[in-house]
Amino acid sequence: MTLAKEPRVTIVVVNYNCSPYVEKCLGSLLEQSYSNIEILVVDNASTDGSAEQIESNYPDIRLVKAAANRGFSAAVNTGITSSTGDLIVVLNIDAWVDRDFVRELAAALLEEPAAGMAAPKMLFARDARVVNSIGLGYNITGSNHDIGFGIDDGPQFSERRWVFGPCGGAGMYRRRMVEDIGLFDEDFFMYYEDVDYSFRAQMAGYRCIFVPTARVYHIEGGSGGSLPRPKGYYFARNSAEVILKDFPGFMLLKYSPIVVWEIAKRVCSGLLRADASPVLGYAAALGRLRQILKKRRGVKDRWRVPGAYIEGLLSENRHVLKHINLHGRPAKEPS
């Protein structure tokens, strides 16, 4: 797609000990058909030589070295605050993109003024015939899912549609939206930071458009690296924080029985596997309740859409997390 004027785009790539993926990822970014572009890699204190690899082999790419690994969200924020773009792409380093990836995302945001975010079609690198994600689904139980995960690519994924938000592995954001709602929440460290950010954006009136012509190929689990705690801990803690921080008050009251039931199921499932990480995660969220409620006030201050829109958006996702909007049905319009 030809753009009359190309807004400046910054691509923020987070690296942590991902030397095997550097060449494929950065090579695909350097070959973009879009010209007004800045590529910025934030290295999260890697120890595998990947930062030196980038510094030596990619002189046209800006490298920002963090002194310590403070998590994905903090690295993304470092990239955003160091960027110059009007549009900002966040991309996992264990992914590579088609030549028109940036152009198609930028065109979609220029054509869709209601959108503050754009989600590409993410396919599995191991089999590009299968969808990894066309965006996030999130529902009233506090559960999220990659829409289309594991489904063969086809006509049902060939048209633009509204989704909850972009998967954290690849997405584009308007700078003016970022300046309005703020940066990613660094307390999440890893996981659910994309859900929280998309929720805050939706509450403030910024929607997300899925762009099927922007394609990215993802090596699932390639950039996770080692974590201080088990994944189950972060999933539990962060999912609870999203509920406590972002759910409108009337929805907390209305759907709390469902939410509590889902949490109980996850805790019991973990304990049956002799895995206490969900219990510890939920306990950690409760231990941070004061800080969470303080952040909740900030979300509430930027709440601009009707509560019915948010409830409709999340209720729509409840029973169709995998197959949501397969026939191009858009999310409900704000009234």
C-alpha atoms as a PDB file:
ATOM      1  CA  MET A   1       0.000   0.000   0.000  1.00  0.00           C
ATOM      2  CA  THR A   2       1.322   3.442  -0.980  1.00  0.00           C
ATOM      3  CA  LEU A   3       1.245   6.188   1.647  1.00  0.00           C
ATOM      4  CA  ALA A   4       1.131   9.842   0.593  1.00  0.00           C
ATOM      5  CA  LYS A   5       3.186  10.756   3.643  1.00  0.00           C
ATOM      6  CA  GLU A   6       5.134   8.334   5.776  1.00  0.00           C
ATOM      7  CA  PRO A   7       4.956   9.125   9.500  1.00  0.00           C
ATOM      8  CA  ARG A   8       8.099   8.319  11.435  1.00  0.00           C
ATOM      9  CA  VAL A   9       8.062   4.745  12.800  1.00  0.00           C
ATOM     10  CA  THR A  10      10.274   3.411  15.584  1.00  0.00           C
ATOM     11  CA  ILE A  11      10.615  -0.349  15.993  1.00  0.00           C
ATOM     12  CA  VAL A  12      11.495  -1.369  19.547  1.00  0.00           C
ATOM     13  CA  VAL A  13      13.022  -4.841  19.842  1.00  0.00           C
ATOM     14  CA  VAL A  14      13.792  -6.334  23.263  1.00  0.00           C
ATOM     15  CA  ASN A  15      16.728  -8.734  23.476  1.00  0.00           C
ATOM     16  CA  TYR A  16      17.706 -11.005  26.331  1.00  0.00           C
ATOM     17  CA  ASN A  17      20.184 -13.775  25.507  1.00  0.00           C
ATOM     18  CA  CYS A  18      18.678 -14.366  22.058  1.00  0.00           C
ATOM     19  CA  SER A  19      21.789 -14.587  19.903  1.00  0.00           C
ATOM     20  CA  PRO A  20      20.347 -17.315  17.591  1.00  0.00           C
ATOM     21  CA  TYR A  21      17.476 -15.035  16.517  1.00  0.00           C
ATOM     22  CA  VAL A  22      19.310 -11.741  16.011  1.00  0.00           C
ATOM     23  CA  GLU A  23      20.224 -12.119  12.348  1.00  0.00           C
ATOM     24  CA  LYS A  24      16.805 -13.275  11.143  1.00  0.00           C
ATOM     25  CA  CYS A  25      14.871 -10.645  13.101  1.00  0.00           C
ATOM     26  CA  LEU A  26      17.039  -7.599  12.451  1.00  0.00           C
ATOM     27  CA  GLY A  27      17.701  -8.610   8.855  1.00  0.00           C
ATOM     28  CA  SER A  28      13.965  -8.584   8.127  1.00  0.00           C
ATOM     29  CA  LEU A  29      13.628  -5.125   9.695  1.00  0.00           C
ATOM     30  CA  LEU A  30      16.467  -3.687   7.632  1.00  0.00           C
ATOM     31  CA  GLU A  31      14.719  -4.890   4.459  1.00  0.00           C
ATOM     32  CA  GLN A  32      11.430  -3.076   5.119  1.00  0.00           C
ATOM     33  CA  SER A  33       9.772  -1.320   2.180  1.00  0.00           C
ATOM     34  CA  TYR A  34       8.916   1.545   4.537  1.00  0.00           C
ATOM     35  CA  SER A  35      11.660   4.186   4.513  1.00  0.00           C
ATOM     36  CA  ASN A  36      10.934   6.584   7.403  1.00  0.00           C
ATOM     37  CA  ILE A  37      11.981   4.101  10.039  1.00  0.00           C
ATOM     38  CA  GLU A  38      14.150   3.842  13.141  1.00  0.00           C
ATOM     39  CA  ILE A  39      15.196   0.486  14.628  1.00  0.00           C
ATOM     40  CA  LEU A  40      16.070   0.407  18.301  1.00  0.00           C
ATOM     41  CA  VAL A  41      17.168  -2.668  20.268  1.00  0.00           C
ATOM     42  CA  VAL A  42      17.011  -2.632  24.061  1.00  0.00           C
ATOM     43  CA  ASP A  43      19.316  -5.273  25.506  1.00  0.00           C
ATOM     44  CA  ASN A  44      18.246  -6.554  28.921  1.00  0.00           C
ATOM     45  CA  ALA A  45      21.772  -7.212  30.259  1.00  0.00           C
ATOM     46  CA  SER A  46      22.391 -10.256  28.040  1.00  0.00           C
ATOM     47  CA  THR A  47      25.292 -12.556  28.866  1.00  0.00           C
ATOM     48  CA  ASP A  48      25.410 -14.621  25.652  1.00  0.00           C
ATOM     49  CA  GLY A  49      27.263 -12.076  23.508  1.00  0.00           C
ATOM     50  CA  SER A  50      24.141 -11.028  21.596  1.00  0.00           C
ATOM     51  CA  ALA A  51      24.526  -7.350  22.555  1.00  0.00           C
ATOM     52  CA  GLU A  52      28.081  -7.347  21.199  1.00  0.00           C
ATOM     53  CA  GLN A  53      26.820  -9.172  18.102  1.00  0.00           C
ATOM     54  CA  ILE A  54      24.297  -6.408  17.440  1.00  0.00           C
ATOM     55  CA  GLU A  55      26.795  -3.647  18.180  1.00  0.00           C
ATOM     56  CA  SER A  56      29.383  -5.080  15.779  1.00  0.00           C
ATOM     57  CA  ASN A  57      27.185  -6.201  12.895  1.00  0.00           C
ATOM     58  CA  TYR A  58      24.368  -3.645  12.789  1.00  0.00           C
ATOM     59  CA  PRO A  59      25.771  -0.089  12.821  1.00  0.00           C
ATOM     60  CA  ASP A  60      22.490   1.359  11.503  1.00  0.00           C
ATOM     61  CA  ILE A  61      20.536   0.010  14.468  1.00  0.00           C
ATOM     62  CA  ARG A  62      20.464   1.868  17.777  1.00  0.00           C
ATOM     63  CA  LEU A  63      21.423  -0.302  20.737  1.00  0.00           C
ATOM     64  CA  VAL A  64      20.462   0.641  24.280  1.00  0.00           C
ATOM     65  CA  LYS A  65      22.086  -1.496  26.969  1.00  0.00           C
ATOM     66  CA  ALA A  66      20.247  -1.913  30.254  1.00  0.00           C
ATOM     67  CA  ALA A  67      22.385  -2.360  33.351  1.00  0.00           C
ATOM     68  CA  ALA A  68      20.149  -5.190  34.605  1.00  0.00           C
ATOM     69  CA  ASN A  69      17.255  -7.329  33.422  1.00  0.00           C
ATOM     70  CA  ARG A  70      14.239  -5.456  34.769  1.00  0.00           C
ATOM     71  CA  GLY A  71      11.772  -7.367  32.625  1.00  0.00           C
ATOM     72  CA  PHE A  72      10.041  -7.001  29.278  1.00  0.00           C
ATOM     73  CA  SER A  73       7.861  -4.019  30.192  1.00  0.00           C
ATOM     74  CA  ALA A  74      10.763  -1.948  31.505  1.00  0.00           C
ATOM     75  CA  ALA A  75      12.772  -2.677  28.365  1.00  0.00           C
ATOM     76  CA  VAL A  76       9.876  -1.677  26.112  1.00  0.00           C
ATOM     77  CA  ASN A  77       9.465   1.548  28.084  1.00  0.00           C
ATOM     78  CA  THR A  78      13.168   2.302  27.704  1.00  0.00           C
ATOM     79  CA  GLY A  79      12.752   1.871  23.973  1.00  0.00           C
ATOM     80  CA  ILE A  80       9.648   4.043  23.789  1.00  0.00           C
ATOM     81  CA  THR A  81      11.197   6.882  25.794  1.00  0.00           C
ATOM     82  CA  SER A  82      14.307   6.712  23.583  1.00  0.00           C
ATOM     83  CA  SER A  83      12.299   6.671  20.347  1.00  0.00           C
ATOM     84  CA  THR A  84      11.502   9.404  17.832  1.00  0.00           C
ATOM     85  CA  GLY A  85       8.598   7.808  15.960  1.00  0.00           C
ATOM     86  CA  ASP A  86       5.004   8.990  15.642  1.00  0.00           C
ATOM     87  CA  LEU A  87       4.137   5.294  15.485  1.00  0.00           C
ATOM     88  CA  ILE A  88       5.870   2.686  17.641  1.00  0.00           C
ATOM     89  CA  VAL A  89       6.234  -1.014  16.879  1.00  0.00           C
ATOM     90  CA  VAL A  90       7.043  -3.457  19.674  1.00  0.00           C
ATOM     91  CA  LEU A  91       8.515  -6.714  18.367  1.00  0.00           C
ATOM     92  CA  ASN A  92       9.920  -9.847  19.964  1.00  0.00           C
ATOM     93  CA  ILE A  93      13.421 -10.700  18.789  1.00  0.00           C
ATOM     94  CA  ASP A  94      12.375 -14.326  18.231  1.00  0.00           C
ATOM     95  CA  ALA A  95      10.296 -13.214  15.246  1.00  0.00           C
ATOM     96  CA  TRP A  96      10.834 -11.912  11.733  1.00  0.00           C
ATOM     97  CA  VAL A  97       8.513  -9.977   9.462  1.00  0.00           C
ATOM     98  CA  ASP A  98       7.490  -9.601   5.826  1.00  0.00           C
ATOM     99  CA  ARG A  99       8.916  -6.735   3.797  1.00  0.00           C
ATOM    100  CA  ASP A 100       5.679  -4.693   3.958  1.00  0.00           C
ATOM    101  CA  PHE A 101       5.041  -5.343   7.664  1.00  0.00           C
ATOM    102  CA  VAL A 102       5.566  -1.749   8.835  1.00  0.00           C
ATOM    103  CA  ARG A 103       3.887  -0.217   5.786  1.00  0.00           C
ATOM    104  CA  GLU A 104       0.689  -2.219   6.242  1.00  0.00           C
ATOM    105  CA  LEU A 105       0.405  -1.494   9.964  1.00  0.00           C
ATOM    106  CA  ALA A 106       1.047   2.221   9.454  1.00  0.00           C
ATOM    107  CA  ALA A 107      -1.507   2.393   6.635  1.00  0.00           C
ATOM    108  CA  ALA A 108      -4.150   0.742   8.814  1.00  0.00           C
ATOM    109  CA  LEU A 109      -3.687   3.254  11.635  1.00  0.00           C
ATOM    110  CA  LEU A 110      -3.804   6.151   9.190  1.00  0.00           C
ATOM    111  CA  GLU A 111      -7.044   4.791   7.697  1.00  0.00           C
ATOM    112  CA  GLU A 112      -8.685   3.908  11.033  1.00  0.00           C
ATOM    113  CA  PRO A 113      -8.777   7.061  13.202  1.00  0.00           C
ATOM    114  CA  ALA A 114     -10.574   5.189  16.020  1.00  0.00           C
ATOM    115  CA  ALA A 115      -7.622   2.815  16.354  1.00  0.00           C
ATOM    116  CA  GLY A 116      -4.707   3.549  18.653  1.00  0.00           C
ATOM    117  CA  MET A 117      -3.223   0.082  18.187  1.00  0.00           C
ATOM    118  CA  ALA A 118      -2.730  -2.355  15.321  1.00  0.00           C
ATOM    119  CA  ALA A 119      -2.232  -6.131  15.536  1.00  0.00           C
ATOM    120  CA  PRO A 120      -0.509  -8.029  12.701  1.00  0.00           C
ATOM    121  CA  LYS A 121      -1.166 -11.594  11.617  1.00  0.00           C
ATOM    122  CA  MET A 122       1.297 -13.630  13.667  1.00  0.00           C
ATOM    123  CA  LEU A 123       2.046 -17.052  12.208  1.00  0.00           C
ATOM    124  CA  PHE A 124       4.127 -19.871  13.637  1.00  0.00           C
ATOM    125  CA  ALA A 125       7.675 -19.891  12.294  1.00  0.00           C
ATOM    126  CA  ARG A 126       7.680 -23.703  12.412  1.00  0.00           C
ATOM    127  CA  ASP A 127       4.598 -23.829  10.160  1.00  0.00           C
ATOM    128  CA  ALA A 128       3.469 -20.570   8.564  1.00  0.00           C
ATOM    129  CA  ARG A 129       0.165 -22.167   7.572  1.00  0.00           C
ATOM    130  CA  VAL A 130      -0.926 -22.016  11.223  1.00  0.00           C
ATOM    131  CA  VAL A 131      -1.950 -18.889  13.145  1.00  0.00           C
ATOM    132  CA  ASN A 132      -0.188 -17.963  16.382  1.00  0.00           C
ATOM    133  CA  SER A 133      -2.262 -14.819  17.018  1.00  0.00           C
ATOM    134  CA  ILE A 134      -4.310 -12.183  15.239  1.00  0.00           C
ATOM    135  CA  GLY A 135      -4.601 -10.239  18.482  1.00  0.00           C
ATOM    136  CA  LEU A 136      -5.624 -10.665  22.087  1.00  0.00           C
ATOM    137  CA  GLY A 137      -8.921 -11.971  23.340  1.00  0.00           C
ATOM    138  CA  TYR A 138      -9.799 -11.158  26.964  1.00  0.00           C
ATOM    139  CA  ASN A 139     -12.966 -12.020  28.831  1.00  0.00           C
ATOM    140  CA  ILE A 140     -15.018 -11.414  31.937  1.00  0.00           C
ATOM    141  CA  THR A 141     -13.381 -14.309  33.813  1.00  0.00           C
ATOM    142  CA  GLY A 142     -10.013 -12.540  33.641  1.00  0.00           C
ATOM    143  CA  SER A 143      -8.630 -14.994  31.085  1.00  0.00           C
ATOM    144  CA  ASN A 144      -6.799 -14.027  27.925  1.00  0.00           C
ATOM    145  CA  HIS A 145      -6.050 -15.893  24.737  1.00  0.00           C
ATOM    146  CA  ASP A 146      -4.336 -15.407  21.409  1.00  0.00           C
ATOM    147  CA  ILE A 147      -7.188 -15.220  18.911  1.00  0.00           C
ATOM    148  CA  GLY A 148      -6.899 -17.887  16.234  1.00  0.00           C
ATOM    149  CA  PHE A 149      -4.173 -19.804  18.084  1.00  0.00           C
ATOM    150  CA  GLY A 150      -3.460 -23.144  16.398  1.00  0.00           C
ATOM    151  CA  ILE A 151      -6.009 -22.646  13.607  1.00  0.00           C
ATOM    152  CA  ASP A 152      -5.011 -22.996   9.950  1.00  0.00           C
ATOM    153  CA  ASP A 153      -4.690 -19.639   8.223  1.00  0.00           C
ATOM    154  CA  GLY A 154      -7.456 -19.006   5.718  1.00  0.00           C
ATOM    155  CA  PRO A 155     -10.184 -16.656   4.471  1.00  0.00           C
ATOM    156  CA  GLN A 156     -11.539 -16.189   8.000  1.00  0.00           C
ATOM    157  CA  PHE A 157      -8.337 -14.297   8.813  1.00  0.00           C
ATOM    158  CA  SER A 158      -8.160 -12.244   5.608  1.00  0.00           C
ATOM    159  CA  GLU A 159     -10.049  -9.077   6.584  1.00  0.00           C
ATOM    160  CA  ARG A 160      -9.456  -6.296   9.060  1.00  0.00           C
ATOM    161  CA  ARG A 161     -11.475  -6.488  12.247  1.00  0.00           C
ATOM    162  CA  TRP A 162     -11.509  -5.077  15.745  1.00  0.00           C
ATOM    163  CA  VAL A 163      -9.748  -7.076  18.470  1.00  0.00           C
ATOM    164  CA  PHE A 164      -9.050  -6.401  22.148  1.00  0.00           C
ATOM    165  CA  GLY A 165      -5.380  -5.573  21.609  1.00  0.00           C
ATOM    166  CA  PRO A 166      -2.108  -6.676  20.015  1.00  0.00           C
ATOM    167  CA  CYS A 167      -0.165  -9.626  21.345  1.00  0.00           C
ATOM    168  CA  GLY A 168       2.909  -8.346  23.180  1.00  0.00           C
ATOM    169  CA  GLY A 169       5.111 -10.143  20.658  1.00  0.00           C
ATOM    170  CA  ALA A 170       4.201  -7.756  17.825  1.00  0.00           C
ATOM    171  CA  GLY A 171       2.061  -4.642  17.636  1.00  0.00           C
ATOM    172  CA  MET A 172       1.978  -0.990  16.601  1.00  0.00           C
ATOM    173  CA  TYR A 173       0.927   1.915  18.844  1.00  0.00           C
ATOM    174  CA  ARG A 174       0.255   5.593  18.210  1.00  0.00           C
ATOM    175  CA  ARG A 175       2.607   7.855  20.146  1.00  0.00           C
ATOM    176  CA  ARG A 176      -0.232  10.215  21.054  1.00  0.00           C
ATOM    177  CA  MET A 177      -2.038   7.273  22.661  1.00  0.00           C
ATOM    178  CA  VAL A 178       1.092   6.333  24.616  1.00  0.00           C
ATOM    179  CA  GLU A 179       1.476   9.925  25.768  1.00  0.00           C
ATOM    180  CA  ASP A 180      -2.168   9.893  26.881  1.00  0.00           C
ATOM    181  CA  ILE A 181      -2.420   6.580  28.772  1.00  0.00           C
ATOM    182  CA  GLY A 182       1.218   6.209  29.789  1.00  0.00           C
ATOM    183  CA  LEU A 183       3.841   3.499  29.388  1.00  0.00           C
ATOM    184  CA  PHE A 184       3.663  -0.239  30.038  1.00  0.00           C
ATOM    185  CA  ASP A 185       3.329  -1.220  33.698  1.00  0.00           C
ATOM    186  CA  GLU A 186       6.801  -2.310  34.796  1.00  0.00           C
ATOM    187  CA  ASP A 187       5.458  -4.152  37.840  1.00  0.00           C
ATOM    188  CA  PHE A 188       4.295  -6.943  35.530  1.00  0.00           C
ATOM    189  CA  PHE A 189       7.906  -7.884  34.678  1.00  0.00           C
ATOM    190  CA  MET A 190       6.658 -10.455  32.159  1.00  0.00           C
ATOM    191  CA  TYR A 191       3.262 -11.769  30.956  1.00  0.00           C
ATOM    192  CA  TYR A 192      -0.099  -9.947  30.897  1.00  0.00           C
ATOM    193  CA  GLU A 193       1.599  -6.589  30.328  1.00  0.00           C
ATOM    194  CA  ASP A 194       0.002  -6.561  26.865  1.00  0.00           C
ATOM    195  CA  VAL A 195      -3.442  -7.340  28.318  1.00  0.00           C
ATOM    196  CA  ASP A 196      -3.130  -4.551  30.879  1.00  0.00           C
ATOM    197  CA  TYR A 197      -1.965  -2.071  28.264  1.00  0.00           C
ATOM    198  CA  SER A 198      -4.740  -2.969  25.825  1.00  0.00           C
ATOM    199  CA  PHE A 199      -7.343  -2.745  28.602  1.00  0.00           C
ATOM    200  CA  ARG A 200      -6.153   0.721  29.584  1.00  0.00           C
ATOM    201  CA  ALA A 201      -6.182   1.805  25.948  1.00  0.00           C
ATOM    202  CA  GLN A 202      -9.708   0.477  25.368  1.00  0.00           C
ATOM    203  CA  MET A 203     -10.958   2.220  28.518  1.00  0.00           C
ATOM    204  CA  ALA A 204      -9.503   5.485  27.226  1.00  0.00           C
ATOM    205  CA  GLY A 205     -11.226   5.069  23.858  1.00  0.00           C
ATOM    206  CA  TYR A 206      -8.426   3.654  21.707  1.00  0.00           C
ATOM    207  CA  ARG A 207      -9.361   0.563  19.726  1.00  0.00           C
ATOM    208  CA  CYS A 208      -7.198  -2.102  18.093  1.00  0.00           C
ATOM    209  CA  ILE A 209      -7.425  -3.103  14.439  1.00  0.00           C
ATOM    210  CA  PHE A 210      -6.224  -6.492  13.170  1.00  0.00           C
ATOM    211  CA  VAL A 211      -4.247  -6.076   9.928  1.00  0.00           C
ATOM    212  CA  PRO A 212      -4.058  -9.374   7.989  1.00  0.00           C
ATOM    213  CA  THR A 213      -1.636  -8.031   5.380  1.00  0.00           C
ATOM    214  CA  ALA A 214       1.041  -7.336   8.023  1.00  0.00           C
ATOM    215  CA  ARG A 215       2.630 -10.714   8.673  1.00  0.00           C
ATOM    216  CA  VAL A 216       5.091 -11.804  11.331  1.00  0.00           C
ATOM    217  CA  TYR A 217       6.581 -15.244  11.962  1.00  0.00           C
ATOM    218  CA  HIS A 218       7.140 -16.189  15.591  1.00  0.00           C
ATOM    219  CA  ILE A 219       9.279 -18.855  17.246  1.00  0.00           C
ATOM    220  CA  GLU A 220       7.046 -19.721  20.180  1.00  0.00           C
ATOM    221  CA  GLY A 221       8.885 -19.459  23.497  1.00  0.00           C
ATOM    222  CA  GLY A 222      12.115 -18.370  21.862  1.00  0.00           C
ATOM    223  CA  SER A 223      12.642 -15.175  23.848  1.00  0.00           C
ATOM    224  CA  GLY A 224      11.353 -16.136  27.293  1.00  0.00           C
ATOM    225  CA  GLY A 225      14.735 -16.806  28.833  1.00  0.00           C
ATOM    226  CA  SER A 226      15.137 -17.795  32.472  1.00  0.00           C
ATOM    227  CA  LEU A 227      12.820 -16.213  35.030  1.00  0.00           C
ATOM    228  CA  PRO A 228      13.303 -15.551  38.756  1.00  0.00           C
ATOM    229  CA  ARG A 229      10.069 -17.464  39.461  1.00  0.00           C
ATOM    230  CA  PRO A 230       7.935 -20.097  37.649  1.00  0.00           C
ATOM    231  CA  LYS A 231       5.679 -18.885  34.842  1.00  0.00           C
ATOM    232  CA  GLY A 232       2.614 -19.919  36.831  1.00  0.00           C
ATOM    233  CA  TYR A 233       3.502 -17.349  39.473  1.00  0.00           C
ATOM    234  CA  TYR A 234       3.589 -14.482  36.962  1.00  0.00           C
ATOM    235  CA  PHE A 235       0.426 -15.636  35.184  1.00  0.00           C
ATOM    236  CA  ALA A 236      -1.495 -15.753  38.475  1.00  0.00           C
ATOM    237  CA  ARG A 237      -0.124 -12.547  39.967  1.00  0.00           C
ATOM    238  CA  ASN A 238      -0.448 -10.488  36.814  1.00  0.00           C
ATOM    239  CA  SER A 239      -3.867 -11.792  35.780  1.00  0.00           C
ATOM    240  CA  ALA A 240      -5.185 -10.871  39.228  1.00  0.00           C
ATOM    241  CA  GLU A 241      -3.612  -7.438  38.981  1.00  0.00           C
ATOM    242  CA  VAL A 242      -5.336  -6.756  35.650  1.00  0.00           C
ATOM    243  CA  ILE A 243      -8.705  -7.599  37.209  1.00  0.00           C
ATOM    244  CA  LEU A 244      -8.135  -5.471  40.308  1.00  0.00           C
ATOM    245  CA  LYS A 245      -6.584  -2.591  38.409  1.00  0.00           C
ATOM    246  CA  ASP A 246      -8.604  -2.376  35.190  1.00  0.00           C
ATOM    247  CA  PHE A 247     -12.074  -3.901  35.621  1.00  0.00           C
ATOM    248  CA  PRO A 248     -14.801  -1.239  35.965  1.00  0.00           C
ATOM    249  CA  GLY A 249     -16.317  -1.338  39.458  1.00  0.00           C
ATOM    250  CA  PHE A 250     -19.737  -2.516  38.309  1.00  0.00           C
ATOM    251  CA  MET A 251     -18.100  -5.438  36.494  1.00  0.00           C
ATOM    252  CA  LEU A 252     -16.074  -6.405  39.554  1.00  0.00           C
ATOM    253  CA  LEU A 253     -19.314  -6.695  41.512  1.00  0.00           C
ATOM    254  CA  LYS A 254     -21.287  -8.385  38.756  1.00  0.00           C
ATOM    255  CA  TYR A 255     -18.719 -10.971  37.713  1.00  0.00           C
ATOM    256  CA  SER A 256     -16.786 -11.593  40.934  1.00  0.00           C
ATOM    257  CA  PRO A 257     -18.385 -15.053  41.460  1.00  0.00           C
ATOM    258  CA  ILE A 258     -17.173 -16.156  38.008  1.00  0.00           C
ATOM    259  CA  VAL A 259     -13.722 -14.672  38.561  1.00  0.00           C
ATOM    260  CA  VAL A 260     -13.345 -16.290  41.993  1.00  0.00           C
ATOM    261  CA  TRP A 261     -14.470 -19.637  40.568  1.00  0.00           C
ATOM    262  CA  GLU A 262     -11.874 -19.448  37.793  1.00  0.00           C
ATOM    263  CA  ILE A 263      -9.139 -18.559  40.287  1.00  0.00           C
ATOM    264  CA  ALA A 264     -10.160 -21.462  42.529  1.00  0.00           C
ATOM    265  CA  LYS A 265      -9.949 -23.857  39.586  1.00  0.00           C
ATOM    266  CA  ARG A 266      -6.447 -22.666  38.710  1.00  0.00           C
ATOM    267  CA  VAL A 267      -5.275 -22.949  42.308  1.00  0.00           C
ATOM    268  CA  CYS A 268      -6.688 -26.467  42.670  1.00  0.00           C
ATOM    269  CA  SER A 269      -5.205 -27.518  39.357  1.00  0.00           C
ATOM    270  CA  GLY A 270      -1.802 -26.278  40.481  1.00  0.00           C
ATOM    271  CA  LEU A 271      -1.994 -27.989  43.854  1.00  0.00           C
ATOM    272  CA  LEU A 272      -2.997 -31.285  42.229  1.00  0.00           C
ATOM    273  CA  ARG A 273       0.229 -31.040  40.227  1.00  0.00           C
ATOM    274  CA  ALA A 274       2.180 -30.138  43.386  1.00  0.00           C
ATOM    275  CA  ASP A 275       2.659 -26.661  41.919  1.00  0.00           C
ATOM    276  CA  ALA A 276       2.192 -23.864  44.452  1.00  0.00           C
ATOM    277  CA  SER A 277       3.127 -21.073  42.038  1.00  0.00           C
ATOM    278  CA  PRO A 278      -0.497 -19.989  41.329  1.00  0.00           C
ATOM    279  CA  VAL A 279      -1.203 -19.695  45.071  1.00  0.00           C
ATOM    280  CA  LEU A 280       1.961 -17.677  45.580  1.00  0.00           C
ATOM    281  CA  GLY A 281       1.136 -15.484  42.594  1.00  0.00           C
ATOM    282  CA  TYR A 282      -2.375 -14.638  43.763  1.00  0.00           C
ATOM    283  CA  ALA A 283      -1.061 -14.012  47.281  1.00  0.00           C
ATOM    284  CA  ALA A 284       1.551 -11.635  45.872  1.00  0.00           C
ATOM    285  CA  ALA A 285      -1.166  -9.688  44.047  1.00  0.00           C
ATOM    286  CA  LEU A 286      -3.139  -9.295  47.274  1.00  0.00           C
ATOM    287  CA  GLY A 287       0.039  -8.190  49.028  1.00  0.00           C
ATOM    288  CA  ARG A 288       0.332  -5.370  46.488  1.00  0.00           C
ATOM    289  CA  LEU A 289      -3.310  -4.342  46.774  1.00  0.00           C
ATOM    290  CA  ARG A 290      -2.548  -0.824  48.004  1.00  0.00           C
ATOM    291  CA  GLN A 291      -0.263  -0.104  45.034  1.00  0.00           C
ATOM    292  CA  ILE A 292      -2.737  -1.695  42.624  1.00  0.00           C
ATOM    293  CA  LEU A 293      -5.622   0.445  43.893  1.00  0.00           C
ATOM    294  CA  LYS A 294      -3.478   3.552  43.502  1.00  0.00           C
ATOM    295  CA  LYS A 295      -2.843   2.632  39.866  1.00  0.00           C
ATOM    296  CA  ARG A 296      -6.547   1.855  39.462  1.00  0.00           C
ATOM    297  CA  ARG A 297      -7.348   5.502  40.155  1.00  0.00           C
ATOM    298  CA  GLY A 298      -5.143   6.480  37.219  1.00  0.00           C
ATOM    299  CA  VAL A 299      -7.022   4.087  34.926  1.00  0.00           C
ATOM    300  CA  LYS A 300     -10.347   5.465  36.137  1.00  0.00           C
ATOM    301  CA  ASP A 301      -9.227   9.036  35.445  1.00  0.00           C
ATOM    302  CA  ARG A 302      -8.829   8.138  31.744  1.00  0.00           C
ATOM    303  CA  TRP A 303     -12.017   6.086  31.423  1.00  0.00           C
ATOM    304  CA  ARG A 304     -13.871   7.661  28.487  1.00  0.00           C
ATOM    305  CA  VAL A 305     -16.022   4.919  26.932  1.00  0.00           C
ATOM    306  CA  PRO A 306     -19.406   3.658  28.168  1.00  0.00           C
ATOM    307  CA  GLY A 307     -19.244   0.783  30.627  1.00  0.00           C
ATOM    308  CA  ALA A 308     -21.569  -1.148  28.318  1.00  0.00           C
ATOM    309  CA  TYR A 309     -18.916  -1.054  25.593  1.00  0.00           C
ATOM    310  CA  ILE A 310     -16.264  -2.629  27.853  1.00  0.00           C
ATOM    311  CA  GLU A 311     -18.741  -5.184  29.200  1.00  0.00           C
ATOM    312  CA  GLY A 312     -19.812  -6.055  25.661  1.00  0.00           C
ATOM    313  CA  LEU A 313     -16.228  -6.352  24.492  1.00  0.00           C
ATOM    314  CA  LEU A 314     -15.307  -8.737  27.318  1.00  0.00           C
ATOM    315  CA  SER A 315     -18.593 -10.673  27.295  1.00  0.00           C
ATOM    316  CA  GLU A 316     -18.249 -11.245  23.567  1.00  0.00           C
ATOM    317  CA  ASN A 317     -14.936 -12.962  24.226  1.00  0.00           C
ATOM    318  CA  ARG A 318     -16.188 -15.243  26.994  1.00  0.00           C
ATOM    319  CA  HIS A 319     -17.213 -18.287  24.977  1.00  0.00           C
ATOM    320  CA  VAL A 320     -15.271 -17.743  21.758  1.00  0.00           C
ATOM    321  CA  LEU A 321     -11.731 -16.978  22.805  1.00  0.00           C
ATOM    322  CA  LYS A 322     -10.185 -19.075  20.027  1.00  0.00           C
ATOM    323  CA  HIS A 323     -12.685 -18.458  17.279  1.00  0.00           C
ATOM    324  CA  ILE A 324     -13.758 -14.885  17.979  1.00  0.00           C
ATOM    325  CA  ASN A 325     -14.802 -12.833  14.942  1.00  0.00           C
ATOM    326  CA  LEU A 326     -13.924 -15.554  12.419  1.00  0.00           C
ATOM    327  CA  HIS A 327     -16.510 -14.093  10.070  1.00  0.00           C
ATOM    328  CA  GLY A 328     -15.278 -10.525  10.366  1.00  0.00           C
ATOM    329  CA  ARG A 329     -17.857  -9.354  12.897  1.00  0.00           C
ATOM    330  CA  PRO A 330     -16.416  -6.199  14.496  1.00  0.00           C
ATOM    331  CA  ALA A 331     -16.459  -5.475  18.187  1.00  0.00           C
ATOM    332  CA  LYS A 332     -19.418  -3.431  19.374  1.00  0.00           C
ATOM    333  CA  GLU A 333     -19.132   0.241  18.671  1.00  0.00           C
ATOM    334  CA  PRO A 334     -18.977   2.595  21.647  1.00  0.00           C
ATOM    335  CA  SER A 335     -22.365   4.242  22.119  1.00  0.00           C
END
